[in-house]
Amino acid sequence: MLYEISITLEDIVPYQIIPERFPHLYTAKSWAWAVKQRNQNGLGRAFRKVGKNLFVNQKVLAQCIDAQIED
């Protein structure tokens, strides 16, 4: 289910901090694999490159994870 969400800059964080913030979802190793496979595993919409840096939108990541459960 896709739904409209309000996004702020606070929602966009460096991708490396996700396992620290959400250890119940990803270990550092499983997150590294999920990031590498993001375009194949349905998480790609949550990522944005700004210059050479990769960021993840936490709200969109939650949507992507939620969509996987529905499939």
PDB file of N, CA and C in Angstrom:
ATOM      1  N   MET A   1       0.839  -1.177   0.000  1.00  0.00           N
ATOM      2  CA  MET A   1       0.000   0.000   0.000  1.00  0.00           C
ATOM      3  C   MET A   1       0.883   1.239   0.000  1.00  0.00           C
ATOM      4  N   LEU A   2       0.757   2.052  -1.001  1.00  0.00           N
ATOM      5  CA  LEU A   2       1.490   3.311  -1.044  1.00  0.00           C
ATOM      6  C   LEU A   2       0.559   4.416  -0.591  1.00  0.00           C
ATOM      7  N   TYR A   3       1.060   5.273   0.229  1.00  0.00           N
ATOM      8  CA  TYR A   3       0.264   6.362   0.739  1.00  0.00           C
ATOM      9  C   TYR A   3       1.128   7.600   0.836  1.00  0.00           C
ATOM     10  N   GLU A   4       0.493   8.744   0.822  1.00  0.00           N
ATOM     11  CA  GLU A   4       1.207  10.011   0.893  1.00  0.00           C
ATOM     12  C   GLU A   4       1.810  10.197   2.280  1.00  0.00           C
ATOM     13  N   ILE A   5       3.054  10.606   2.324  1.00  0.00           N
ATOM     14  CA  ILE A   5       3.692  10.908   3.593  1.00  0.00           C
ATOM     15  C   ILE A   5       4.392  12.250   3.474  1.00  0.00           C
ATOM     16  N   SER A   6       4.481  12.919   4.580  1.00  0.00           N
ATOM     17  CA  SER A   6       5.194  14.180   4.641  1.00  0.00           C
ATOM     18  C   SER A   6       6.649  13.877   4.993  1.00  0.00           C
ATOM     19  N   ILE A   7       7.567  14.381   4.200  1.00  0.00           N
ATOM     20  CA  ILE A   7       8.981  14.078   4.383  1.00  0.00           C
ATOM     21  C   ILE A   7       9.735  15.348   4.749  1.00  0.00           C
ATOM     22  N   THR A   8      10.590  15.225   5.748  1.00  0.00           N
ATOM     23  CA  THR A   8      11.455  16.332   6.136  1.00  0.00           C
ATOM     24  C   THR A   8      12.901  15.892   6.001  1.00  0.00           C
ATOM     25  N   LEU A   9      13.817  16.836   6.092  1.00  0.00           N
ATOM     26  CA  LEU A   9      15.238  16.493   6.025  1.00  0.00           C
ATOM     27  C   LEU A   9      15.666  15.619   7.192  1.00  0.00           C
ATOM     28  N   GLU A  10      14.940  15.679   8.301  1.00  0.00           N
ATOM     29  CA  GLU A  10      15.257  14.821   9.444  1.00  0.00           C
ATOM     30  C   GLU A  10      15.014  13.349   9.140  1.00  0.00           C
ATOM     31  N   ASP A  11      14.178  13.068   8.141  1.00  0.00           N
ATOM     32  CA  ASP A  11      13.888  11.683   7.754  1.00  0.00           C
ATOM     33  C   ASP A  11      15.005  11.082   6.898  1.00  0.00           C
ATOM     34  N   ILE A  12      15.837  11.937   6.309  1.00  0.00           N
ATOM     35  CA  ILE A  12      16.890  11.486   5.398  1.00  0.00           C
ATOM     36  C   ILE A  12      18.193  11.424   6.181  1.00  0.00           C
ATOM     37  N   VAL A  13      18.703  10.202   6.332  1.00  0.00           N
ATOM     38  CA  VAL A  13      19.875   9.978   7.180  1.00  0.00           C
ATOM     39  C   VAL A  13      20.924   9.179   6.409  1.00  0.00           C
ATOM     40  N   PRO A  14      22.188   9.244   6.825  1.00  0.00           N
ATOM     41  CA  PRO A  14      23.204   8.396   6.202  1.00  0.00           C
ATOM     42  C   PRO A  14      22.806   6.929   6.364  1.00  0.00           C
ATOM     43  N   TYR A  15      22.938   6.166   5.310  1.00  0.00           N
ATOM     44  CA  TYR A  15      22.451   4.786   5.330  1.00  0.00           C
ATOM     45  C   TYR A  15      23.129   3.933   6.401  1.00  0.00           C
ATOM     46  N   GLN A  16      24.342   4.292   6.795  1.00  0.00           N
ATOM     47  CA  GLN A  16      25.097   3.479   7.748  1.00  0.00           C
ATOM     48  C   GLN A  16      24.466   3.422   9.137  1.00  0.00           C
ATOM     49  N   ILE A  17      23.629   4.382   9.490  1.00  0.00           N
ATOM     50  CA  ILE A  17      23.114   4.402  10.865  1.00  0.00           C
ATOM     51  C   ILE A  17      21.870   3.545  11.075  1.00  0.00           C
ATOM     52  N   ILE A  18      21.311   2.989  10.029  1.00  0.00           N
ATOM     53  CA  ILE A  18      20.076   2.207  10.173  1.00  0.00           C
ATOM     54  C   ILE A  18      20.244   1.016  11.130  1.00  0.00           C
ATOM     55  N   PRO A  19      21.299   0.217  11.047  1.00  0.00           N
ATOM     56  CA  PRO A  19      21.421  -0.901  12.005  1.00  0.00           C
ATOM     57  C   PRO A  19      21.576  -0.440  13.454  1.00  0.00           C
ATOM     58  N   GLU A  20      22.161   0.742  13.650  1.00  0.00           N
ATOM     59  CA  GLU A  20      22.290   1.285  15.004  1.00  0.00           C
ATOM     60  C   GLU A  20      20.938   1.734  15.537  1.00  0.00           C
ATOM     61  N   ARG A  21      20.146   2.365  14.689  1.00  0.00           N
ATOM     62  CA  ARG A  21      18.834   2.862  15.107  1.00  0.00           C
ATOM     63  C   ARG A  21      17.799   1.762  15.229  1.00  0.00           C
ATOM     64  N   PHE A  22      17.902   0.769  14.375  1.00  0.00           N
ATOM     65  CA  PHE A  22      16.888  -0.280  14.311  1.00  0.00           C
ATOM     66  C   PHE A  22      17.528  -1.667  14.346  1.00  0.00           C
ATOM     67  N   PRO A  23      18.214  -2.004  15.436  1.00  0.00           N
ATOM     68  CA  PRO A  23      18.903  -3.305  15.501  1.00  0.00           C
ATOM     69  C   PRO A  23      17.940  -4.484  15.452  1.00  0.00           C
ATOM     70  N   HIS A  24      16.680  -4.248  15.762  1.00  0.00           N
ATOM     71  CA  HIS A  24      15.686  -5.316  15.691  1.00  0.00           C
ATOM     72  C   HIS A  24      15.310  -5.651  14.242  1.00  0.00           C
ATOM     73  N   LEU A  25      15.657  -4.792  13.306  1.00  0.00           N
ATOM     74  CA  LEU A  25      15.373  -5.042  11.893  1.00  0.00           C
ATOM     75  C   LEU A  25      16.579  -5.573  11.132  1.00  0.00           C
ATOM     76  N   TYR A  26      17.745  -4.989  11.378  1.00  0.00           N
ATOM     77  CA  TYR A  26      18.934  -5.344  10.603  1.00  0.00           C
ATOM     78  C   TYR A  26      20.175  -5.395  11.485  1.00  0.00           C
ATOM     79  N   THR A  27      20.992  -6.404  11.237  1.00  0.00           N
ATOM     80  CA  THR A  27      22.350  -6.396  11.775  1.00  0.00           C
ATOM     81  C   THR A  27      23.190  -5.589  10.787  1.00  0.00           C
ATOM     82  N   ALA A  28      24.384  -5.236  11.164  1.00  0.00           N
ATOM     83  CA  ALA A  28      25.256  -4.493  10.244  1.00  0.00           C
ATOM     84  C   ALA A  28      25.480  -5.298   8.963  1.00  0.00           C
ATOM     85  N   LYS A  29      25.666  -6.604   9.105  1.00  0.00           N
ATOM     86  CA  LYS A  29      25.926  -7.462   7.945  1.00  0.00           C
ATOM     87  C   LYS A  29      24.684  -7.599   7.050  1.00  0.00           C
ATOM     88  N   SER A  30      23.517  -7.819   7.655  1.00  0.00           N
ATOM     89  CA  SER A  30      22.308  -7.974   6.838  1.00  0.00           C
ATOM     90  C   SER A  30      21.931  -6.659   6.165  1.00  0.00           C
ATOM     91  N   TRP A  31      22.193  -5.534   6.843  1.00  0.00           N
ATOM     92  CA  TRP A  31      21.906  -4.229   6.239  1.00  0.00           C
ATOM     93  C   TRP A  31      22.844  -3.965   5.069  1.00  0.00           C
ATOM     94  N   ALA A  32      24.120  -4.300   5.215  1.00  0.00           N
ATOM     95  CA  ALA A  32      25.077  -4.101   4.118  1.00  0.00           C
ATOM     96  C   ALA A  32      24.616  -4.873   2.883  1.00  0.00           C
ATOM     97  N   TRP A  33      24.126  -6.089   3.079  1.00  0.00           N
ATOM     98  CA  TRP A  33      23.637  -6.888   1.949  1.00  0.00           C
ATOM     99  C   TRP A  33      22.362  -6.261   1.377  1.00  0.00           C
ATOM    100  N   ALA A  34      21.455  -5.817   2.236  1.00  0.00           N
ATOM    101  CA  ALA A  34      20.213  -5.194   1.767  1.00  0.00           C
ATOM    102  C   ALA A  34      20.510  -3.937   0.952  1.00  0.00           C
ATOM    103  N   VAL A  35      21.493  -3.146   1.369  1.00  0.00           N
ATOM    104  CA  VAL A  35      21.862  -1.932   0.633  1.00  0.00           C
ATOM    105  C   VAL A  35      22.428  -2.301  -0.735  1.00  0.00           C
ATOM    106  N   LYS A  36      23.298  -3.300  -0.778  1.00  0.00           N
ATOM    107  CA  LYS A  36      23.871  -3.713  -2.069  1.00  0.00           C
ATOM    108  C   LYS A  36      22.801  -4.230  -3.015  1.00  0.00           C
ATOM    109  N   GLN A  37      21.780  -4.883  -2.481  1.00  0.00           N
ATOM    110  CA  GLN A  37      20.726  -5.495  -3.296  1.00  0.00           C
ATOM    111  C   GLN A  37      19.455  -4.641  -3.354  1.00  0.00           C
ATOM    112  N   ARG A  38      19.542  -3.369  -2.990  1.00  0.00           N
ATOM    113  CA  ARG A  38      18.356  -2.523  -2.825  1.00  0.00           C
ATOM    114  C   ARG A  38      17.475  -2.443  -4.063  1.00  0.00           C
ATOM    115  N   ASN A  39      18.046  -2.511  -5.239  1.00  0.00           N
ATOM    116  CA  ASN A  39      17.230  -2.429  -6.450  1.00  0.00           C
ATOM    117  C   ASN A  39      16.553  -3.752  -6.778  1.00  0.00           C
ATOM    118  N   GLN A  40      16.994  -4.836  -6.170  1.00  0.00           N
ATOM    119  CA  GLN A  40      16.376  -6.134  -6.378  1.00  0.00           C
ATOM    120  C   GLN A  40      15.427  -6.530  -5.242  1.00  0.00           C
ATOM    121  N   ASN A  41      15.604  -5.954  -4.052  1.00  0.00           N
ATOM    122  CA  ASN A  41      14.823  -6.396  -2.901  1.00  0.00           C
ATOM    123  C   ASN A  41      13.666  -5.465  -2.537  1.00  0.00           C
ATOM    124  N   GLY A  42      13.401  -4.458  -3.360  1.00  0.00           N
ATOM    125  CA  GLY A  42      12.271  -3.573  -3.116  1.00  0.00           C
ATOM    126  C   GLY A  42      12.561  -2.383  -2.217  1.00  0.00           C
ATOM    127  N   LEU A  43      13.813  -2.182  -1.824  1.00  0.00           N
ATOM    128  CA  LEU A  43      14.153  -1.063  -0.950  1.00  0.00           C
ATOM    129  C   LEU A  43      14.698   0.139  -1.708  1.00  0.00           C
ATOM    130  N   GLY A  44      14.911   0.017  -2.980  1.00  0.00           N
ATOM    131  CA  GLY A  44      15.565   1.051  -3.772  1.00  0.00           C
ATOM    132  C   GLY A  44      14.924   2.425  -3.692  1.00  0.00           C
ATOM    133  N   ARG A  45      13.603   2.486  -3.558  1.00  0.00           N
ATOM    134  CA  ARG A  45      12.912   3.785  -3.486  1.00  0.00           C
ATOM    135  C   ARG A  45      13.338   4.612  -2.290  1.00  0.00           C
ATOM    136  N   ALA A  46      13.845   3.967  -1.249  1.00  0.00           N
ATOM    137  CA  ALA A  46      14.185   4.670  -0.008  1.00  0.00           C
ATOM    138  C   ALA A  46      15.551   5.351  -0.063  1.00  0.00           C
ATOM    139  N   PHE A  47      16.342   5.083  -1.072  1.00  0.00           N
ATOM    140  CA  PHE A  47      17.722   5.576  -1.127  1.00  0.00           C
ATOM    141  C   PHE A  47      17.870   6.743  -2.086  1.00  0.00           C
ATOM    142  N   ARG A  48      18.756   7.663  -1.711  1.00  0.00           N
ATOM    143  CA  ARG A  48      19.102   8.804  -2.554  1.00  0.00           C
ATOM    144  C   ARG A  48      20.587   9.089  -2.419  1.00  0.00           C
ATOM    145  N   LYS A  49      21.220   9.379  -3.552  1.00  0.00           N
ATOM    146  CA  LYS A  49      22.612   9.823  -3.526  1.00  0.00           C
ATOM    147  C   LYS A  49      22.618  11.341  -3.567  1.00  0.00           C
ATOM    148  N   VAL A  50      23.426  11.916  -2.707  1.00  0.00           N
ATOM    149  CA  VAL A  50      23.654  13.358  -2.706  1.00  0.00           C
ATOM    150  C   VAL A  50      25.160  13.515  -2.838  1.00  0.00           C
ATOM    151  N   GLY A  51      25.577  13.946  -4.003  1.00  0.00           N
ATOM    152  CA  GLY A  51      27.011  13.954  -4.287  1.00  0.00           C
ATOM    153  C   GLY A  51      27.499  12.509  -4.306  1.00  0.00           C
ATOM    154  N   LYS A  52      28.506  12.227  -3.516  1.00  0.00           N
ATOM    155  CA  LYS A  52      29.042  10.859  -3.429  1.00  0.00           C
ATOM    156  C   LYS A  52      28.461  10.086  -2.256  1.00  0.00           C
ATOM    157  N   ASN A  53      27.599  10.732  -1.476  1.00  0.00           N
ATOM    158  CA  ASN A  53      27.069  10.115  -0.262  1.00  0.00           C
ATOM    159  C   ASN A  53      25.714   9.464  -0.508  1.00  0.00           C
ATOM    160  N   LEU A  54      25.502   8.329   0.153  1.00  0.00           N
ATOM    161  CA  LEU A  54      24.251   7.599   0.038  1.00  0.00           C
ATOM    162  C   LEU A  54      23.438   7.799   1.313  1.00  0.00           C
ATOM    163  N   PHE A  55      22.172   8.166   1.122  1.00  0.00           N
ATOM    164  CA  PHE A  55      21.266   8.410   2.238  1.00  0.00           C
ATOM    165  C   PHE A  55      20.039   7.520   2.097  1.00  0.00           C
ATOM    166  N   VAL A  56      19.357   7.337   3.215  1.00  0.00           N
ATOM    167  CA  VAL A  56      18.115   6.572   3.207  1.00  0.00           C
ATOM    168  C   VAL A  56      17.027   7.415   3.862  1.00  0.00           C
ATOM    169  N   ASN A  57      15.864   7.393   3.257  1.00  0.00           N
ATOM    170  CA  ASN A  57      14.708   8.072   3.820  1.00  0.00           C
ATOM    171  C   ASN A  57      14.001   7.064   4.723  1.00  0.00           C
ATOM    172  N   GLN A  58      13.983   7.329   6.006  1.00  0.00           N
ATOM    173  CA  GLN A  58      13.452   6.371   6.977  1.00  0.00           C
ATOM    174  C   GLN A  58      11.964   6.098   6.773  1.00  0.00           C
ATOM    175  N   LYS A  59      11.202   7.118   6.411  1.00  0.00           N
ATOM    176  CA  LYS A  59       9.765   6.913   6.194  1.00  0.00           C
ATOM    177  C   LYS A  59       9.501   6.048   4.968  1.00  0.00           C
ATOM    178  N   VAL A  60      10.232   6.296   3.906  1.00  0.00           N
ATOM    179  CA  VAL A  60      10.059   5.496   2.692  1.00  0.00           C
ATOM    180  C   VAL A  60      10.580   4.077   2.933  1.00  0.00           C
ATOM    181  N   LEU A  61      11.650   3.938   3.704  1.00  0.00           N
ATOM    182  CA  LEU A  61      12.149   2.612   4.058  1.00  0.00           C
ATOM    183  C   LEU A  61      11.067   1.822   4.782  1.00  0.00           C
ATOM    184  N   ALA A  62      10.368   2.465   5.699  1.00  0.00           N
ATOM    185  CA  ALA A  62       9.278   1.794   6.417  1.00  0.00           C
ATOM    186  C   ALA A  62       8.185   1.364   5.444  1.00  0.00           C
ATOM    187  N   GLN A  63       7.872   2.207   4.469  1.00  0.00           N
ATOM    188  CA  GLN A  63       6.885   1.846   3.440  1.00  0.00           C
ATOM    189  C   GLN A  63       7.341   0.636   2.644  1.00  0.00           C
ATOM    190  N   CYS A  64       8.612   0.630   2.256  1.00  0.00           N
ATOM    191  CA  CYS A  64       9.158  -0.482   1.468  1.00  0.00           C
ATOM    192  C   CYS A  64       9.101  -1.789   2.251  1.00  0.00           C
ATOM    193  N   ILE A  65       9.454  -1.725   3.514  1.00  0.00           N
ATOM    194  CA  ILE A  65       9.410  -2.919   4.360  1.00  0.00           C
ATOM    195  C   ILE A  65       7.971  -3.385   4.511  1.00  0.00           C
ATOM    196  N   ASP A  66       7.070  -2.449   4.725  1.00  0.00           N
ATOM    197  CA  ASP A  66       5.647  -2.779   4.871  1.00  0.00           C
ATOM    198  C   ASP A  66       5.105  -3.409   3.592  1.00  0.00           C
ATOM    199  N   ALA A  67       5.518  -2.924   2.446  1.00  0.00           N
ATOM    200  CA  ALA A  67       5.054  -3.468   1.171  1.00  0.00           C
ATOM    201  C   ALA A  67       5.534  -4.903   0.977  1.00  0.00           C
ATOM    202  N   GLN A  68       6.695  -5.231   1.507  1.00  0.00           N
ATOM    203  CA  GLN A  68       7.201  -6.600   1.377  1.00  0.00           C
ATOM    204  C   GLN A  68       6.328  -7.576   2.142  1.00  0.00           C
ATOM    205  N   ILE A  69       5.786  -7.149   3.266  1.00  0.00           N
ATOM    206  CA  ILE A  69       4.934  -8.015   4.065  1.00  0.00           C
ATOM    207  C   ILE A  69       3.646  -8.352   3.321  1.00  0.00           C
ATOM    208  N   GLU A  70       3.138  -7.389   2.559  1.00  0.00           N
ATOM    209  CA  GLU A  70       1.892  -7.593   1.822  1.00  0.00           C
ATOM    210  C   GLU A  70       2.051  -8.540   0.652  1.00  0.00           C
ATOM    211  N   ASP A  71       3.253  -8.626   0.097  1.00  0.00           N
ATOM    212  CA  ASP A  71       3.468  -9.466  -1.098  1.00  0.00           C
ATOM    213  C   ASP A  71       3.355 -10.934  -0.794  1.00  0.00           C
TER     214      ASP A  71
END
